[in-house]
Amino acid sequence: MFTAFNEAERERSKLSEALTKSQDKAIRRISELREQSELDRLNKADLTNNFQTSIEEKDSEIEALKTQVNCLHKLVCYLVE
């Protein structure tokens, strides 16, 4: 009976060790995923900011070109008269 108890205790110890290793591995993986998620979030924010800046620059260029077209149109109208 004592031998069976010792064997059961060893088995419990092995299972406990396996569970602890599994939990540690899962916790590390969760930490890695959280870190990756944060990096992805920061990257997305940076890309969004860069894209918005690019759009604003293009809008400014478009407005400048519209102004040039209007000036040229007025000049042509003046010359035609």
C-alpha atoms as a PDB file:
ATOM      1  CA  MET A   1       0.000   0.000   0.000  1.00  0.00           C
ATOM      2  CA  PHE A   2       2.854   2.357   0.824  1.00  0.00           C
ATOM      3  CA  THR A   3       4.413   1.594  -2.577  1.00  0.00           C
ATOM      4  CA  ALA A   4       1.148   2.456  -4.340  1.00  0.00           C
ATOM      5  CA  PHE A   5       0.977   5.723  -2.426  1.00  0.00           C
ATOM      6  CA  ASN A   6       4.558   6.619  -3.372  1.00  0.00           C
ATOM      7  CA  GLU A   7       3.871   5.741  -6.992  1.00  0.00           C
ATOM      8  CA  ALA A   8       0.729   7.885  -6.991  1.00  0.00           C
ATOM      9  CA  GLU A   9       2.677  10.729  -5.376  1.00  0.00           C
ATOM     10  CA  ARG A  10       5.391  10.501  -8.060  1.00  0.00           C
ATOM     11  CA  GLU A  11       2.739  10.495 -10.776  1.00  0.00           C
ATOM     12  CA  ARG A  12       1.054  13.527  -9.200  1.00  0.00           C
ATOM     13  CA  SER A  13       4.415  15.279  -9.055  1.00  0.00           C
ATOM     14  CA  LYS A  14       5.091  14.534 -12.736  1.00  0.00           C
ATOM     15  CA  LEU A  15       1.650  15.786 -13.724  1.00  0.00           C
ATOM     16  CA  SER A  16       2.100  18.903 -11.619  1.00  0.00           C
ATOM     17  CA  GLU A  17       5.467  19.582 -13.260  1.00  0.00           C
ATOM     18  CA  ALA A  18       3.994  19.044 -16.733  1.00  0.00           C
ATOM     19  CA  LEU A  19       1.112  21.391 -15.913  1.00  0.00           C
ATOM     20  CA  THR A  20       3.510  24.049 -14.639  1.00  0.00           C
ATOM     21  CA  LYS A  21       5.625  23.806 -17.793  1.00  0.00           C
ATOM     22  CA  SER A  22       2.526  24.014 -19.952  1.00  0.00           C
ATOM     23  CA  GLN A  23       1.242  27.048 -18.050  1.00  0.00           C
ATOM     24  CA  ASP A  24       4.635  28.768 -18.259  1.00  0.00           C
ATOM     25  CA  LYS A  25       4.740  28.152 -22.000  1.00  0.00           C
ATOM     26  CA  ALA A  26       1.192  29.502 -22.414  1.00  0.00           C
ATOM     27  CA  ILE A  27       2.013  32.599 -20.337  1.00  0.00           C
ATOM     28  CA  ARG A  28       5.130  33.283 -22.434  1.00  0.00           C
ATOM     29  CA  ARG A  29       3.112  32.886 -25.625  1.00  0.00           C
ATOM     30  CA  ILE A  30       0.416  35.254 -24.346  1.00  0.00           C
ATOM     31  CA  SER A  31       3.105  37.813 -23.506  1.00  0.00           C
ATOM     32  CA  GLU A  32       4.632  37.452 -26.969  1.00  0.00           C
ATOM     33  CA  LEU A  33       1.227  37.885 -28.600  1.00  0.00           C
ATOM     34  CA  ARG A  34       0.464  40.956 -26.496  1.00  0.00           C
ATOM     35  CA  GLU A  35       3.813  42.469 -27.419  1.00  0.00           C
ATOM     36  CA  GLN A  36       3.249  41.706 -31.111  1.00  0.00           C
ATOM     37  CA  SER A  37      -0.243  43.163 -30.904  1.00  0.00           C
ATOM     38  CA  GLU A  38       1.131  46.372 -29.381  1.00  0.00           C
ATOM     39  CA  LEU A  39       3.810  46.606 -32.077  1.00  0.00           C
ATOM     40  CA  ASP A  40       1.163  46.051 -34.758  1.00  0.00           C
ATOM     41  CA  ARG A  41      -1.030  48.754 -33.197  1.00  0.00           C
ATOM     42  CA  LEU A  42       1.853  51.235 -33.150  1.00  0.00           C
ATOM     43  CA  ASN A  43       2.778  50.345 -36.722  1.00  0.00           C
ATOM     44  CA  LYS A  44      -0.808  50.828 -37.858  1.00  0.00           C
ATOM     45  CA  ALA A  45      -0.967  54.218 -36.134  1.00  0.00           C
ATOM     46  CA  ASP A  46       2.289  55.245 -37.822  1.00  0.00           C
ATOM     47  CA  LEU A  47       1.072  54.094 -41.243  1.00  0.00           C
ATOM     48  CA  THR A  48      -2.235  55.897 -40.738  1.00  0.00           C
ATOM     49  CA  ASN A  49      -0.417  59.084 -39.795  1.00  0.00           C
ATOM     50  CA  ASN A  50       1.915  58.834 -42.801  1.00  0.00           C
ATOM     51  CA  PHE A  51      -1.031  58.163 -45.106  1.00  0.00           C
ATOM     52  CA  GLN A  52      -2.967  61.129 -43.717  1.00  0.00           C
ATOM     53  CA  THR A  53       0.070  63.381 -44.192  1.00  0.00           C
ATOM     54  CA  SER A  54       0.433  62.153 -47.756  1.00  0.00           C
ATOM     55  CA  ILE A  55      -3.230  62.878 -48.468  1.00  0.00           C
ATOM     56  CA  GLU A  56      -2.895  66.394 -47.041  1.00  0.00           C
ATOM     57  CA  GLU A  57       0.175  67.021 -49.218  1.00  0.00           C
ATOM     58  CA  LYS A  58      -1.688  65.800 -52.311  1.00  0.00           C
ATOM     59  CA  ASP A  59      -4.661  68.020 -51.441  1.00  0.00           C
ATOM     60  CA  SER A  60      -2.309  71.011 -51.232  1.00  0.00           C
ATOM     61  CA  GLU A  61      -0.782  70.128 -54.593  1.00  0.00           C
ATOM     62  CA  ILE A  62      -4.264  69.812 -56.125  1.00  0.00           C
ATOM     63  CA  GLU A  63      -5.277  73.228 -54.768  1.00  0.00           C
ATOM     64  CA  ALA A  64      -2.088  74.778 -56.165  1.00  0.00           C
ATOM     65  CA  LEU A  65      -2.766  73.219 -59.576  1.00  0.00           C
ATOM     66  CA  LYS A  66      -6.377  74.427 -59.525  1.00  0.00           C
ATOM     67  CA  THR A  67      -5.130  77.943 -58.799  1.00  0.00           C
ATOM     68  CA  GLN A  68      -2.686  77.707 -61.705  1.00  0.00           C
ATOM     69  CA  VAL A  69      -5.413  76.444 -64.036  1.00  0.00           C
ATOM     70  CA  ASN A  70      -7.711  79.299 -62.997  1.00  0.00           C
ATOM     71  CA  CYS A  71      -4.953  81.842 -63.597  1.00  0.00           C
ATOM     72  CA  LEU A  72      -4.151  80.370 -67.000  1.00  0.00           C
ATOM     73  CA  HIS A  73      -7.829  80.273 -67.894  1.00  0.00           C
ATOM     74  CA  LYS A  74      -8.200  83.961 -66.977  1.00  0.00           C
ATOM     75  CA  LEU A  75      -5.071  84.784 -68.978  1.00  0.00           C
ATOM     76  CA  VAL A  76      -6.382  82.939 -72.025  1.00  0.00           C
ATOM     77  CA  CYS A  77      -9.761  84.660 -71.714  1.00  0.00           C
ATOM     78  CA  TYR A  78      -8.019  88.031 -71.443  1.00  0.00           C
ATOM     79  CA  LEU A  79      -5.828  87.312 -74.485  1.00  0.00           C
ATOM     80  CA  VAL A  80      -8.774  86.104 -76.555  1.00  0.00           C
ATOM     81  CA  GLU A  81     -10.791  89.249 -75.945  1.00  0.00           C
END
